[in-house]
Amino acid sequence: MRREPDRERIRRRNRKRKLRHLRARLAQTKDPTTRKRLIEKIRRISPYAPVPER
């Protein structure tokens, strides 16, 4: 059975991994609609995280 600190650590780790993945995809794409969609996903996961412009 998982303890609360373990669950919190796993949740934080997964969120950071997902953010890194989305930022990598954002850096590769040039299409404005896809960029907008990816930025919305990043904002949903972490509202205060900085989003690279280019």
C-alpha atoms as a PDB file:
ATOM      1  CA  MET A   1       0.000   0.000   0.000  1.00  0.00           C
ATOM      2  CA  ARG A   2       1.272   3.477  -0.884  1.00  0.00           C
ATOM      3  CA  ARG A   3       1.766   6.182   1.665  1.00  0.00           C
ATOM      4  CA  GLU A   4       0.641   9.758   1.043  1.00  0.00           C
ATOM      5  CA  PRO A   5       4.183  11.194   0.554  1.00  0.00           C
ATOM      6  CA  ASP A   6       4.916   8.479  -1.996  1.00  0.00           C
ATOM      7  CA  ARG A   7       1.763   9.256  -3.946  1.00  0.00           C
ATOM      8  CA  GLU A   8       2.578  12.968  -3.889  1.00  0.00           C
ATOM      9  CA  ARG A   9       6.136  12.356  -5.116  1.00  0.00           C
ATOM     10  CA  ILE A  10       4.922  10.107  -7.928  1.00  0.00           C
ATOM     11  CA  ARG A  11       2.260  12.631  -8.951  1.00  0.00           C
ATOM     12  CA  ARG A  12       4.803  15.468  -9.029  1.00  0.00           C
ATOM     13  CA  ARG A  13       7.271  13.360 -11.017  1.00  0.00           C
ATOM     14  CA  ASN A  14       4.617  12.425 -13.591  1.00  0.00           C
ATOM     15  CA  ARG A  15       3.547  16.037 -13.972  1.00  0.00           C
ATOM     16  CA  LYS A  16       7.125  17.194 -14.573  1.00  0.00           C
ATOM     17  CA  ARG A  17       7.673  14.398 -17.091  1.00  0.00           C
ATOM     18  CA  LYS A  18       4.504  15.366 -18.945  1.00  0.00           C
ATOM     19  CA  LEU A  19       5.525  19.039 -18.977  1.00  0.00           C
ATOM     20  CA  ARG A  20       8.951  18.183 -20.401  1.00  0.00           C
ATOM     21  CA  HIS A  21       7.303  16.090 -23.119  1.00  0.00           C
ATOM     22  CA  LEU A  22       4.845  18.846 -24.057  1.00  0.00           C
ATOM     23  CA  ARG A  23       7.589  21.501 -24.128  1.00  0.00           C
ATOM     24  CA  ALA A  24       9.676  19.296 -26.421  1.00  0.00           C
ATOM     25  CA  ARG A  25       6.736  18.900 -28.777  1.00  0.00           C
ATOM     26  CA  LEU A  26       6.098  22.637 -28.630  1.00  0.00           C
ATOM     27  CA  ALA A  27       9.711  23.344 -29.606  1.00  0.00           C
ATOM     28  CA  GLN A  28       9.440  21.053 -32.647  1.00  0.00           C
ATOM     29  CA  THR A  29       6.130  22.267 -34.062  1.00  0.00           C
ATOM     30  CA  LYS A  30       5.647  25.288 -36.332  1.00  0.00           C
ATOM     31  CA  ASP A  31       1.892  25.060 -36.908  1.00  0.00           C
ATOM     32  CA  PRO A  32       0.135  27.870 -34.948  1.00  0.00           C
ATOM     33  CA  THR A  33      -2.983  25.845 -34.151  1.00  0.00           C
ATOM     34  CA  THR A  34      -0.957  22.942 -32.792  1.00  0.00           C
ATOM     35  CA  ARG A  35       1.206  25.343 -30.778  1.00  0.00           C
ATOM     36  CA  LYS A  36      -1.906  26.936 -29.273  1.00  0.00           C
ATOM     37  CA  ARG A  37      -3.317  23.529 -28.334  1.00  0.00           C
ATOM     38  CA  LEU A  38      -0.035  22.452 -26.704  1.00  0.00           C
ATOM     39  CA  ILE A  39       0.209  25.731 -24.766  1.00  0.00           C
ATOM     40  CA  GLU A  40      -3.332  25.203 -23.471  1.00  0.00           C
ATOM     41  CA  LYS A  41      -2.360  21.714 -22.268  1.00  0.00           C
ATOM     42  CA  ILE A  42       0.741  23.078 -20.533  1.00  0.00           C
ATOM     43  CA  ARG A  43      -1.345  25.780 -18.838  1.00  0.00           C
ATOM     44  CA  ARG A  44      -3.866  23.179 -17.686  1.00  0.00           C
ATOM     45  CA  ILE A  45      -1.163  21.015 -16.103  1.00  0.00           C
ATOM     46  CA  SER A  46       0.811  23.856 -14.533  1.00  0.00           C
ATOM     47  CA  PRO A  47      -0.777  27.319 -14.762  1.00  0.00           C
ATOM     48  CA  TYR A  48       2.254  29.241 -13.497  1.00  0.00           C
ATOM     49  CA  ALA A  49       4.926  27.368 -15.406  1.00  0.00           C
ATOM     50  CA  PRO A  50       6.782  29.457 -17.979  1.00  0.00           C
ATOM     51  CA  VAL A  51       5.931  28.624 -21.581  1.00  0.00           C
ATOM     52  CA  PRO A  52       8.657  29.165 -24.186  1.00  0.00           C
ATOM     53  CA  GLU A  53       7.581  31.541 -26.928  1.00  0.00           C
ATOM     54  CA  ARG A  54       9.820  30.059 -29.637  1.00  0.00           C
END
